[in-house]
């Protein structure tokens, strides 16, 4: 009885919470294309969201001011590009074929 007395706009309002949003669909008249994406937070936890661009994963940046000095230093070292080690091999050729001539059989 009470619902019939209220205007139509008020009747259509819903009590939305995080529980109902997870169970029901999005209540929109126009649906924009959203892609399932995983968001990785700095502490390592992950959240599944809908994102407007087709991405698989989004990694949020770490706030370096919250880290200790040792952790900050190790993170900064890991960000630097690694130097490529050039290996210069010098092959010494001191092979003497005459040394192995006694093992070769001669066909007659």
PDB file of N, CA and C in Angstrom:
ATOM      1  N   UNK A   1       0.806  -1.175   0.000  1.00  0.00           N
ATOM      2  CA  UNK A   1       0.000   0.000   0.000  1.00  0.00           C
ATOM      3  C   UNK A   1       0.861   1.254   0.000  1.00  0.00           C
ATOM      4  N   UNK A   2       1.902   1.231   0.803  1.00  0.00           N
ATOM      5  CA  UNK A   2       2.768   2.388   0.924  1.00  0.00           C
ATOM      6  C   UNK A   2       3.512   2.646  -0.380  1.00  0.00           C
ATOM      7  N   UNK A   3       3.906   1.576  -1.105  1.00  0.00           N
ATOM      8  CA  UNK A   3       4.630   1.746  -2.359  1.00  0.00           C
ATOM      9  C   UNK A   3       3.773   2.408  -3.435  1.00  0.00           C
ATOM     10  N   UNK A   4       2.487   2.165  -3.415  1.00  0.00           N
ATOM     11  CA  UNK A   4       1.611   2.762  -4.424  1.00  0.00           C
ATOM     12  C   UNK A   4       1.475   4.264  -4.232  1.00  0.00           C
ATOM     13  N   UNK A   5       1.651   4.751  -3.031  1.00  0.00           N
ATOM     14  CA  UNK A   5       1.514   6.172  -2.760  1.00  0.00           C
ATOM     15  C   UNK A   5       2.765   6.953  -3.147  1.00  0.00           C
ATOM     16  N   UNK A   6       3.924   6.289  -3.184  1.00  0.00           N
ATOM     17  CA  UNK A   6       5.171   6.977  -3.510  1.00  0.00           C
ATOM     18  C   UNK A   6       5.277   7.196  -5.011  1.00  0.00           C
ATOM     19  N   UNK A   7       5.996   8.234  -5.438  1.00  0.00           N
ATOM     20  CA  UNK A   7       6.204   8.439  -6.870  1.00  0.00           C
ATOM     21  C   UNK A   7       6.980   7.270  -7.482  1.00  0.00           C
ATOM     22  N   UNK A   8       6.875   7.120  -8.803  1.00  0.00           N
ATOM     23  CA  UNK A   8       7.495   6.002  -9.519  1.00  0.00           C
ATOM     24  C   UNK A   8       9.016   6.017  -9.384  1.00  0.00           C
ATOM     25  N   UNK A   9       9.628   7.194  -9.402  1.00  0.00           N
ATOM     26  CA  UNK A   9      11.091   7.294  -9.297  1.00  0.00           C
ATOM     27  C   UNK A   9      11.578   6.779  -7.954  1.00  0.00           C
ATOM     28  N   UNK A  10      10.842   7.045  -6.914  1.00  0.00           N
ATOM     29  CA  UNK A  10      11.245   6.588  -5.573  1.00  0.00           C
ATOM     30  C   UNK A  10      11.029   5.084  -5.455  1.00  0.00           C
ATOM     31  N   UNK A  11      10.000   4.546  -6.105  1.00  0.00           N
ATOM     32  CA  UNK A  11       9.745   3.114  -6.051  1.00  0.00           C
ATOM     33  C   UNK A  11      10.866   2.317  -6.714  1.00  0.00           C
ATOM     34  N   UNK A  12      11.494   2.898  -7.742  1.00  0.00           N
ATOM     35  CA  UNK A  12      12.527   2.176  -8.479  1.00  0.00           C
ATOM     36  C   UNK A  12      13.890   2.226  -7.806  1.00  0.00           C
ATOM     37  N   UNK A  13      14.048   3.059  -6.786  1.00  0.00           N
ATOM     38  CA  UNK A  13      15.329   3.105  -6.068  1.00  0.00           C
ATOM     39  C   UNK A  13      15.559   1.786  -5.351  1.00  0.00           C
ATOM     40  N   UNK A  14      16.790   1.374  -5.311  1.00  0.00           N
ATOM     41  CA  UNK A  14      17.129   0.136  -4.639  1.00  0.00           C
ATOM     42  C   UNK A  14      18.116   0.442  -3.531  1.00  0.00           C
ATOM     43  N   UNK A  15      18.148  -0.421  -2.581  1.00  0.00           N
ATOM     44  CA  UNK A  15      19.137  -0.308  -1.512  1.00  0.00           C
ATOM     45  C   UNK A  15      20.370  -1.093  -1.985  1.00  0.00           C
ATOM     46  N   UNK A  16      21.342  -0.393  -2.550  1.00  0.00           N
ATOM     47  CA  UNK A  16      22.523  -1.051  -3.101  1.00  0.00           C
ATOM     48  C   UNK A  16      23.632  -1.099  -2.064  1.00  0.00           C
ATOM     49  N   UNK A  17      24.333  -2.185  -2.045  1.00  0.00           N
ATOM     50  CA  UNK A  17      25.499  -2.331  -1.184  1.00  0.00           C
ATOM     51  C   UNK A  17      26.523  -3.171  -1.940  1.00  0.00           C
ATOM     52  N   UNK A  18      27.644  -3.420  -1.316  1.00  0.00           N
ATOM     53  CA  UNK A  18      28.669  -4.221  -1.977  1.00  0.00           C
ATOM     54  C   UNK A  18      28.196  -5.657  -2.182  1.00  0.00           C
ATOM     55  N   UNK A  19      27.297  -6.156  -1.324  1.00  0.00           N
ATOM     56  CA  UNK A  19      26.806  -7.522  -1.455  1.00  0.00           C
ATOM     57  C   UNK A  19      25.881  -7.656  -2.658  1.00  0.00           C
ATOM     58  N   UNK A  20      24.993  -6.700  -2.854  1.00  0.00           N
ATOM     59  CA  UNK A  20      24.061  -6.808  -3.971  1.00  0.00           C
ATOM     60  C   UNK A  20      24.747  -6.518  -5.293  1.00  0.00           C
ATOM     61  N   UNK A  21      25.737  -5.669  -5.289  1.00  0.00           N
ATOM     62  CA  UNK A  21      26.443  -5.362  -6.532  1.00  0.00           C
ATOM     63  C   UNK A  21      27.232  -6.573  -7.016  1.00  0.00           C
ATOM     64  N   UNK A  22      27.690  -7.416  -6.113  1.00  0.00           N
ATOM     65  CA  UNK A  22      28.449  -8.597  -6.504  1.00  0.00           C
ATOM     66  C   UNK A  22      27.528  -9.699  -7.008  1.00  0.00           C
ATOM     67  N   UNK A  23      26.289  -9.709  -6.562  1.00  0.00           N
ATOM     68  CA  UNK A  23      25.379 -10.786  -6.919  1.00  0.00           C
ATOM     69  C   UNK A  23      24.584 -10.451  -8.179  1.00  0.00           C
ATOM     70  N   UNK A  24      24.208  -9.199  -8.356  1.00  0.00           N
ATOM     71  CA  UNK A  24      23.353  -8.826  -9.478  1.00  0.00           C
ATOM     72  C   UNK A  24      24.171  -8.236 -10.609  1.00  0.00           C
ATOM     73  N   UNK A  25      23.468  -7.848 -11.661  1.00  0.00           N
ATOM     74  CA  UNK A  25      24.128  -7.247 -12.818  1.00  0.00           C
ATOM     75  C   UNK A  25      24.250  -5.743 -12.626  1.00  0.00           C
ATOM     76  N   UNK A  26      24.954  -5.091 -13.527  1.00  0.00           N
ATOM     77  CA  UNK A  26      25.041  -3.638 -13.506  1.00  0.00           C
ATOM     78  C   UNK A  26      23.717  -3.065 -13.999  1.00  0.00           C
ATOM     79  N   UNK A  27      23.152  -2.112 -13.304  1.00  0.00           N
ATOM     80  CA  UNK A  27      21.852  -1.554 -13.654  1.00  0.00           C
ATOM     81  C   UNK A  27      22.062  -0.293 -14.486  1.00  0.00           C
ATOM     82  N   UNK A  28      22.225  -0.491 -15.784  1.00  0.00           N
ATOM     83  CA  UNK A  28      22.448   0.625 -16.697  1.00  0.00           C
ATOM     84  C   UNK A  28      21.582   0.433 -17.932  1.00  0.00           C
ATOM     85  N   UNK A  29      21.207   1.526 -18.534  1.00  0.00           N
ATOM     86  CA  UNK A  29      20.478   1.422 -19.788  1.00  0.00           C
ATOM     87  C   UNK A  29      21.455   1.319 -20.958  1.00  0.00           C
ATOM     88  N   UNK A  30      22.640   1.922 -20.846  1.00  0.00           N
ATOM     89  CA  UNK A  30      23.673   1.841 -21.876  1.00  0.00           C
ATOM     90  C   UNK A  30      24.884   1.153 -21.263  1.00  0.00           C
ATOM     91  N   UNK A  31      25.319   0.078 -21.898  1.00  0.00           N
ATOM     92  CA  UNK A  31      26.463  -0.673 -21.394  1.00  0.00           C
ATOM     93  C   UNK A  31      27.691  -0.337 -22.234  1.00  0.00           C
ATOM     94  N   UNK A  32      28.698   0.189 -21.611  1.00  0.00           N
ATOM     95  CA  UNK A  32      29.957   0.392 -22.329  1.00  0.00           C
ATOM     96  C   UNK A  32      30.776  -0.892 -22.199  1.00  0.00           C
ATOM     97  N   UNK A  33      31.666  -1.135 -23.141  1.00  0.00           N
ATOM     98  CA  UNK A  33      32.448  -2.379 -23.153  1.00  0.00           C
ATOM     99  C   UNK A  33      33.483  -2.321 -22.047  1.00  0.00           C
ATOM    100  N   UNK A  34      33.428  -3.290 -21.155  1.00  0.00           N
ATOM    101  CA  UNK A  34      34.386  -3.384 -20.062  1.00  0.00           C
ATOM    102  C   UNK A  34      35.070  -4.757 -20.132  1.00  0.00           C
ATOM    103  N   UNK A  35      36.337  -4.803 -19.765  1.00  0.00           N
ATOM    104  CA  UNK A  35      37.125  -6.022 -19.869  1.00  0.00           C
ATOM    105  C   UNK A  35      37.536  -6.483 -18.476  1.00  0.00           C
ATOM    106  N   UNK A  36      37.505  -7.790 -18.218  1.00  0.00           N
ATOM    107  CA  UNK A  36      37.954  -8.277 -16.910  1.00  0.00           C
ATOM    108  C   UNK A  36      39.460  -8.088 -16.774  1.00  0.00           C
ATOM    109  N   UNK A  37      39.868  -7.504 -15.666  1.00  0.00           N
ATOM    110  CA  UNK A  37      41.269  -7.154 -15.435  1.00  0.00           C
ATOM    111  C   UNK A  37      41.634  -7.468 -13.990  1.00  0.00           C
ATOM    112  N   UNK A  38      42.858  -7.860 -13.758  1.00  0.00           N
ATOM    113  CA  UNK A  38      43.355  -8.124 -12.411  1.00  0.00           C
ATOM    114  C   UNK A  38      44.214  -6.943 -11.977  1.00  0.00           C
ATOM    115  N   UNK A  39      43.921  -6.395 -10.808  1.00  0.00           N
ATOM    116  CA  UNK A  39      44.709  -5.302 -10.237  1.00  0.00           C
ATOM    117  C   UNK A  39      45.554  -5.887  -9.110  1.00  0.00           C
ATOM    118  N   UNK A  40      46.876  -5.683  -9.194  1.00  0.00           N
ATOM    119  CA  UNK A  40      47.788  -6.161  -8.162  1.00  0.00           C
ATOM    120  C   UNK A  40      48.206  -4.963  -7.325  1.00  0.00           C
ATOM    121  N   UNK A  41      47.900  -5.027  -6.044  1.00  0.00           N
ATOM    122  CA  UNK A  41      48.254  -3.941  -5.133  1.00  0.00           C
ATOM    123  C   UNK A  41      49.703  -4.097  -4.677  1.00  0.00           C
ATOM    124  N   UNK A  42      50.309  -3.034  -4.128  1.00  0.00           N
ATOM    125  CA  UNK A  42      51.727  -3.114  -3.733  1.00  0.00           C
ATOM    126  C   UNK A  42      52.033  -4.196  -2.701  1.00  0.00           C
ATOM    127  N   UNK A  43      51.049  -4.574  -1.877  1.00  0.00           N
ATOM    128  CA  UNK A  43      51.305  -5.619  -0.880  1.00  0.00           C
ATOM    129  C   UNK A  43      51.174  -7.026  -1.456  1.00  0.00           C
ATOM    130  N   UNK A  44      50.796  -7.138  -2.744  1.00  0.00           N
ATOM    131  CA  UNK A  44      50.707  -8.431  -3.397  1.00  0.00           C
ATOM    132  C   UNK A  44      49.296  -8.960  -3.530  1.00  0.00           C
ATOM    133  N   UNK A  45      48.325  -8.347  -2.881  1.00  0.00           N
ATOM    134  CA  UNK A  45      46.945  -8.808  -2.996  1.00  0.00           C
ATOM    135  C   UNK A  45      46.385  -8.427  -4.363  1.00  0.00           C
ATOM    136  N   UNK A  46      45.398  -9.189  -4.836  1.00  0.00           N
ATOM    137  CA  UNK A  46      44.833  -8.959  -6.161  1.00  0.00           C
ATOM    138  C   UNK A  46      43.328  -8.732  -6.058  1.00  0.00           C
ATOM    139  N   UNK A  47      42.807  -7.957  -7.026  1.00  0.00           N
ATOM    140  CA  UNK A  47      41.384  -7.662  -7.122  1.00  0.00           C
ATOM    141  C   UNK A  47      40.987  -7.829  -8.579  1.00  0.00           C
ATOM    142  N   UNK A  48      39.853  -8.458  -8.831  1.00  0.00           N
ATOM    143  CA  UNK A  48      39.312  -8.569 -10.183  1.00  0.00           C
ATOM    144  C   UNK A  48      38.359  -7.408 -10.412  1.00  0.00           C
ATOM    145  N   UNK A  49      38.613  -6.624 -11.468  1.00  0.00           N
ATOM    146  CA  UNK A  49      37.771  -5.469 -11.778  1.00  0.00           C
ATOM    147  C   UNK A  49      37.388  -5.504 -13.244  1.00  0.00           C
ATOM    148  N   UNK A  50      36.520  -4.565 -13.634  1.00  0.00           N
ATOM    149  CA  UNK A  50      36.215  -4.330 -15.045  1.00  0.00           C
ATOM    150  C   UNK A  50      36.914  -3.042 -15.435  1.00  0.00           C
ATOM    151  N   UNK A  51      37.650  -3.083 -16.569  1.00  0.00           N
ATOM    152  CA  UNK A  51      38.447  -1.941 -17.003  1.00  0.00           C
ATOM    153  C   UNK A  51      38.068  -1.599 -18.434  1.00  0.00           C
ATOM    154  N   UNK A  52      38.115  -0.313 -18.776  1.00  0.00           N
ATOM    155  CA  UNK A  52      37.657   0.117 -20.096  1.00  0.00           C
ATOM    156  C   UNK A  52      38.607  -0.232 -21.225  1.00  0.00           C
ATOM    157  N   UNK A  53      39.834  -0.648 -20.929  1.00  0.00           N
ATOM    158  CA  UNK A  53      40.792  -1.073 -21.949  1.00  0.00           C
ATOM    159  C   UNK A  53      41.069  -2.566 -21.784  1.00  0.00           C
ATOM    160  N   UNK A  54      41.339  -3.270 -22.889  1.00  0.00           N
ATOM    161  CA  UNK A  54      41.622  -4.704 -22.765  1.00  0.00           C
ATOM    162  C   UNK A  54      43.029  -4.952 -22.226  1.00  0.00           C
ATOM    163  N   UNK A  55      43.127  -5.102 -20.922  1.00  0.00           N
ATOM    164  CA  UNK A  55      44.395  -5.397 -20.256  1.00  0.00           C
ATOM    165  C   UNK A  55      44.207  -6.621 -19.387  1.00  0.00           C
ATOM    166  N   UNK A  56      45.246  -7.412 -19.242  1.00  0.00           N
ATOM    167  CA  UNK A  56      45.163  -8.583 -18.378  1.00  0.00           C
ATOM    168  C   UNK A  56      45.439  -8.219 -16.923  1.00  0.00           C
ATOM    169  N   UNK A  57      46.442  -7.362 -16.708  1.00  0.00           N
ATOM    170  CA  UNK A  57      46.879  -7.084 -15.345  1.00  0.00           C
ATOM    171  C   UNK A  57      47.306  -5.632 -15.233  1.00  0.00           C
ATOM    172  N   UNK A  58      47.018  -5.034 -14.082  1.00  0.00           N
ATOM    173  CA  UNK A  58      47.475  -3.684 -13.763  1.00  0.00           C
ATOM    174  C   UNK A  58      48.188  -3.779 -12.429  1.00  0.00           C
ATOM    175  N   UNK A  59      49.430  -3.335 -12.385  1.00  0.00           N
ATOM    176  CA  UNK A  59      50.206  -3.375 -11.152  1.00  0.00           C
ATOM    177  C   UNK A  59      50.324  -1.958 -10.603  1.00  0.00           C
ATOM    178  N   UNK A  60      49.822  -1.758  -9.402  1.00  0.00           N
ATOM    179  CA  UNK A  60      49.870  -0.436  -8.792  1.00  0.00           C
ATOM    180  C   UNK A  60      51.274  -0.158  -8.273  1.00  0.00           C
ATOM    181  N   UNK A  61      51.728   1.100  -8.342  1.00  0.00           N
ATOM    182  CA  UNK A  61      53.099   1.405  -7.926  1.00  0.00           C
ATOM    183  C   UNK A  61      53.260   1.342  -6.408  1.00  0.00           C
ATOM    184  N   UNK A  62      54.475   1.063  -5.994  1.00  0.00           N
ATOM    185  CA  UNK A  62      54.816   0.968  -4.576  1.00  0.00           C
ATOM    186  C   UNK A  62      55.283   2.319  -4.087  1.00  0.00           C
ATOM    187  N   UNK A  63      54.827   2.737  -2.915  1.00  0.00           N
ATOM    188  CA  UNK A  63      55.249   4.001  -2.334  1.00  0.00           C
ATOM    189  C   UNK A  63      56.583   3.773  -1.618  1.00  0.00           C
ATOM    190  N   UNK A  64      57.663   4.306  -2.187  1.00  0.00           N
ATOM    191  CA  UNK A  64      59.002   4.069  -1.630  1.00  0.00           C
ATOM    192  C   UNK A  64      59.221   4.778  -0.300  1.00  0.00           C
ATOM    193  N   UNK A  65      58.426   5.801  -0.012  1.00  0.00           N
ATOM    194  CA  UNK A  65      58.612   6.530   1.256  1.00  0.00           C
ATOM    195  C   UNK A  65      58.184   5.694   2.455  1.00  0.00           C
ATOM    196  N   UNK A  66      57.384   4.649   2.248  1.00  0.00           N
ATOM    197  CA  UNK A  66      56.942   3.806   3.362  1.00  0.00           C
ATOM    198  C   UNK A  66      57.923   2.678   3.666  1.00  0.00           C
ATOM    199  N   UNK A  67      58.922   2.459   2.809  1.00  0.00           N
ATOM    200  CA  UNK A  67      59.870   1.361   3.004  1.00  0.00           C
ATOM    201  C   UNK A  67      61.030   1.782   3.887  1.00  0.00           C
ATOM    202  N   UNK A  68      61.703   0.791   4.467  1.00  0.00           N
ATOM    203  CA  UNK A  68      62.915   1.072   5.225  1.00  0.00           C
ATOM    204  C   UNK A  68      64.048   1.376   4.234  1.00  0.00           C
ATOM    205  N   UNK A  69      65.148   1.855   4.753  1.00  0.00           N
ATOM    206  CA  UNK A  69      66.266   2.253   3.888  1.00  0.00           C
ATOM    207  C   UNK A  69      66.846   1.059   3.128  1.00  0.00           C
ATOM    208  N   UNK A  70      66.962  -0.085   3.803  1.00  0.00           N
ATOM    209  CA  UNK A  70      67.525  -1.271   3.142  1.00  0.00           C
ATOM    210  C   UNK A  70      66.590  -1.775   2.036  1.00  0.00           C
ATOM    211  N   UNK A  71      65.275  -1.796   2.309  1.00  0.00           N
ATOM    212  CA  UNK A  71      64.323  -2.247   1.297  1.00  0.00           C
ATOM    213  C   UNK A  71      64.285  -1.283   0.118  1.00  0.00           C
ATOM    214  N   UNK A  72      64.357   0.011   0.402  1.00  0.00           N
ATOM    215  CA  UNK A  72      64.345   1.017  -0.658  1.00  0.00           C
ATOM    216  C   UNK A  72      65.561   0.853  -1.557  1.00  0.00           C
ATOM    217  N   UNK A  73      66.719   0.610  -0.938  1.00  0.00           N
ATOM    218  CA  UNK A  73      67.953   0.455  -1.712  1.00  0.00           C
ATOM    219  C   UNK A  73      67.893  -0.785  -2.603  1.00  0.00           C
ATOM    220  N   UNK A  74      67.360  -1.904  -2.062  1.00  0.00           N
ATOM    221  CA  UNK A  74      67.270  -3.124  -2.856  1.00  0.00           C
ATOM    222  C   UNK A  74      66.274  -2.965  -4.004  1.00  0.00           C
ATOM    223  N   UNK A  75      65.167  -2.244  -3.788  1.00  0.00           N
ATOM    224  CA  UNK A  75      64.185  -2.003  -4.851  1.00  0.00           C
ATOM    225  C   UNK A  75      64.772  -1.132  -5.952  1.00  0.00           C
ATOM    226  N   UNK A  76      65.532  -0.111  -5.567  1.00  0.00           N
ATOM    227  CA  UNK A  76      66.140   0.773  -6.560  1.00  0.00           C
ATOM    228  C   UNK A  76      67.202   0.031  -7.377  1.00  0.00           C
ATOM    229  N   UNK A  77      67.945  -0.868  -6.743  1.00  0.00           N
ATOM    230  CA  UNK A  77      68.937  -1.668  -7.460  1.00  0.00           C
ATOM    231  C   UNK A  77      68.259  -2.612  -8.452  1.00  0.00           C
ATOM    232  N   UNK A  78      67.096  -3.152  -8.068  1.00  0.00           N
ATOM    233  CA  UNK A  78      66.382  -4.071  -8.955  1.00  0.00           C
ATOM    234  C   UNK A  78      65.812  -3.339 -10.168  1.00  0.00           C
ATOM    235  N   UNK A  79      65.538  -2.061 -10.048  1.00  0.00           N
ATOM    236  CA  UNK A  79      64.995  -1.279 -11.165  1.00  0.00           C
ATOM    237  C   UNK A  79      66.037  -0.944 -12.215  1.00  0.00           C
ATOM    238  N   UNK A  80      67.298  -0.887 -11.817  1.00  0.00           N
ATOM    239  CA  UNK A  80      68.352  -0.527 -12.761  1.00  0.00           C
ATOM    240  C   UNK A  80      68.549  -1.645 -13.778  1.00  0.00           C
ATOM    241  N   UNK A  81      68.864  -1.295 -15.011  1.00  0.00           N
ATOM    242  CA  UNK A  81      69.103  -2.353 -16.004  1.00  0.00           C
ATOM    243  C   UNK A  81      70.391  -3.106 -15.689  1.00  0.00           C
ATOM    244  N   UNK A  82      70.345  -4.389 -15.935  1.00  0.00           N
ATOM    245  CA  UNK A  82      71.520  -5.210 -15.653  1.00  0.00           C
ATOM    246  C   UNK A  82      72.537  -5.040 -16.759  1.00  0.00           C
ATOM    247  N   UNK A  83      73.796  -5.015 -16.382  1.00  0.00           N
ATOM    248  CA  UNK A  83      74.873  -4.867 -17.353  1.00  0.00           C
ATOM    249  C   UNK A  83      75.145  -6.220 -17.998  1.00  0.00           C
ATOM    250  N   UNK A  84      75.308  -6.216 -19.298  1.00  0.00           N
ATOM    251  CA  UNK A  84      75.615  -7.442 -20.010  1.00  0.00           C
ATOM    252  C   UNK A  84      77.108  -7.724 -19.886  1.00  0.00           C
ATOM    253  N   UNK A  85      77.400  -8.948 -19.553  1.00  0.00           N
ATOM    254  CA  UNK A  85      78.789  -9.369 -19.399  1.00  0.00           C
ATOM    255  C   UNK A  85      79.266  -9.905 -20.741  1.00  0.00           C
ATOM    256  N   UNK A  86      80.325  -9.306 -21.247  1.00  0.00           N
ATOM    257  CA  UNK A  86      80.904  -9.774 -22.506  1.00  0.00           C
ATOM    258  C   UNK A  86      81.994 -10.786 -22.190  1.00  0.00           C
ATOM    259  N   UNK A  87      81.859 -11.959 -22.767  1.00  0.00           N
ATOM    260  CA  UNK A  87      82.843 -13.019 -22.551  1.00  0.00           C
ATOM    261  C   UNK A  87      83.730 -13.078 -23.778  1.00  0.00           C
ATOM    262  N   UNK A  88      84.978 -12.785 -23.567  1.00  0.00           N
ATOM    263  CA  UNK A  88      85.948 -12.823 -24.654  1.00  0.00           C
ATOM    264  C   UNK A  88      86.760 -14.111 -24.496  1.00  0.00           C
ATOM    265  N   UNK A  89      86.509 -15.050 -25.380  1.00  0.00           N
ATOM    266  CA  UNK A  89      87.229 -16.309 -25.307  1.00  0.00           C
ATOM    267  C   UNK A  89      88.374 -16.298 -26.305  1.00  0.00           C
ATOM    268  N   UNK A  90      89.521 -16.677 -25.802  1.00  0.00           N
ATOM    269  CA  UNK A  90      90.680 -16.795 -26.661  1.00  0.00           C
ATOM    270  C   UNK A  90      91.034 -18.270 -26.717  1.00  0.00           C
ATOM    271  N   UNK A  91      90.901 -18.837 -27.877  1.00  0.00           N
ATOM    272  CA  UNK A  91      91.150 -20.270 -28.028  1.00  0.00           C
ATOM    273  C   UNK A  91      92.614 -20.463 -28.413  1.00  0.00           C
ATOM    274  N   UNK A  92      93.283 -21.224 -27.595  1.00  0.00           N
ATOM    275  CA  UNK A  92      94.676 -21.538 -27.897  1.00  0.00           C
ATOM    276  C   UNK A  92      94.695 -22.859 -28.660  1.00  0.00           C
ATOM    277  N   UNK A  93      95.258 -22.821 -29.845  1.00  0.00           N
ATOM    278  CA  UNK A  93      95.311 -24.018 -30.680  1.00  0.00           C
ATOM    279  C   UNK A  93      96.717 -24.582 -30.638  1.00  0.00           C
ATOM    280  N   UNK A  94      96.894 -25.587 -29.802  1.00  0.00           N
ATOM    281  CA  UNK A  94      98.207 -26.244 -29.730  1.00  0.00           C
ATOM    282  C   UNK A  94      98.076 -27.732 -30.067  1.00  0.00           C
ATOM    283  N   UNK A  95      97.120 -28.032 -30.961  1.00  0.00           N
ATOM    284  CA  UNK A  95      96.879 -29.408 -31.374  1.00  0.00           C
ATOM    285  C   UNK A  95      97.969 -29.845 -32.346  1.00  0.00           C
ATOM    286  N   UNK A  96      98.547 -31.012 -32.089  1.00  0.00           N
ATOM    287  CA  UNK A  96      99.584 -31.558 -32.939  1.00  0.00           C
ATOM    288  C   UNK A  96      99.094 -32.893 -33.491  1.00  0.00           C
ATOM    289  N   UNK A  97      98.828 -32.944 -34.809  1.00  0.00           N
ATOM    290  CA  UNK A  97      98.295 -34.148 -35.437  1.00  0.00           C
ATOM    291  C   UNK A  97      99.340 -35.267 -35.488  1.00  0.00           C
ATOM    292  N   UNK A  98     100.619 -34.935 -35.537  1.00  0.00           N
ATOM    293  CA  UNK A  98     101.668 -35.961 -35.625  1.00  0.00           C
ATOM    294  C   UNK A  98     101.723 -36.814 -34.357  1.00  0.00           C
ATOM    295  N   UNK A  99     101.226 -36.279 -33.273  1.00  0.00           N
ATOM    296  CA  UNK A  99     101.233 -36.999 -32.004  1.00  0.00           C
ATOM    297  C   UNK A  99     100.290 -38.203 -32.048  1.00  0.00           C
ATOM    298  N   UNK A 100      99.257 -38.158 -32.882  1.00  0.00           N
ATOM    299  CA  UNK A 100      98.251 -39.213 -32.957  1.00  0.00           C
ATOM    300  C   UNK A 100      98.396 -40.088 -34.201  1.00  0.00           C
ATOM    301  N   UNK A 101      99.471 -39.938 -34.945  1.00  0.00           N
ATOM    302  CA  UNK A 101      99.679 -40.723 -36.167  1.00  0.00           C
ATOM    303  C   UNK A 101      99.876 -42.209 -35.858  1.00  0.00           C
ATOM    304  N   UNK A 102     100.341 -42.558 -34.676  1.00  0.00           N
ATOM    305  CA  UNK A 102     100.586 -43.956 -34.343  1.00  0.00           C
ATOM    306  C   UNK A 102      99.288 -44.743 -34.163  1.00  0.00           C
ATOM    307  N   UNK A 103      98.156 -44.066 -33.992  1.00  0.00           N
ATOM    308  CA  UNK A 103      96.871 -44.736 -33.803  1.00  0.00           C
ATOM    309  C   UNK A 103      96.125 -44.966 -35.122  1.00  0.00           C
ATOM    310  N   UNK A 104      96.592 -44.397 -36.191  1.00  0.00           N
ATOM    311  CA  UNK A 104      95.942 -44.562 -37.488  1.00  0.00           C
ATOM    312  C   UNK A 104      96.475 -45.808 -38.158  1.00  0.00           C
ATOM    313  N   UNK A 105      95.559 -46.665 -38.621  1.00  0.00           N
ATOM    314  CA  UNK A 105      95.950 -47.895 -39.307  1.00  0.00           C
ATOM    315  C   UNK A 105      96.098 -47.614 -40.775  1.00  0.00           C
ATOM    316  N   UNK A 106      97.125 -48.222 -41.365  1.00  0.00           N
ATOM    317  CA  UNK A 106      97.352 -48.070 -42.804  1.00  0.00           C
ATOM    318  C   UNK A 106      96.768 -49.280 -43.492  1.00  0.00           C
ATOM    319  N   UNK A 107      96.000 -49.052 -44.547  1.00  0.00           N
ATOM    320  CA  UNK A 107      95.428 -50.155 -45.339  1.00  0.00           C
ATOM    321  C   UNK A 107      96.408 -50.578 -46.427  1.00  0.00           C
ATOM    322  N   UNK A 108      96.624 -51.880 -46.579  1.00  0.00           N
ATOM    323  CA  UNK A 108      97.537 -52.382 -47.596  1.00  0.00           C
ATOM    324  C   UNK A 108      96.829 -53.131 -48.645  1.00  0.00           C
TER     325      UNK A 108
END
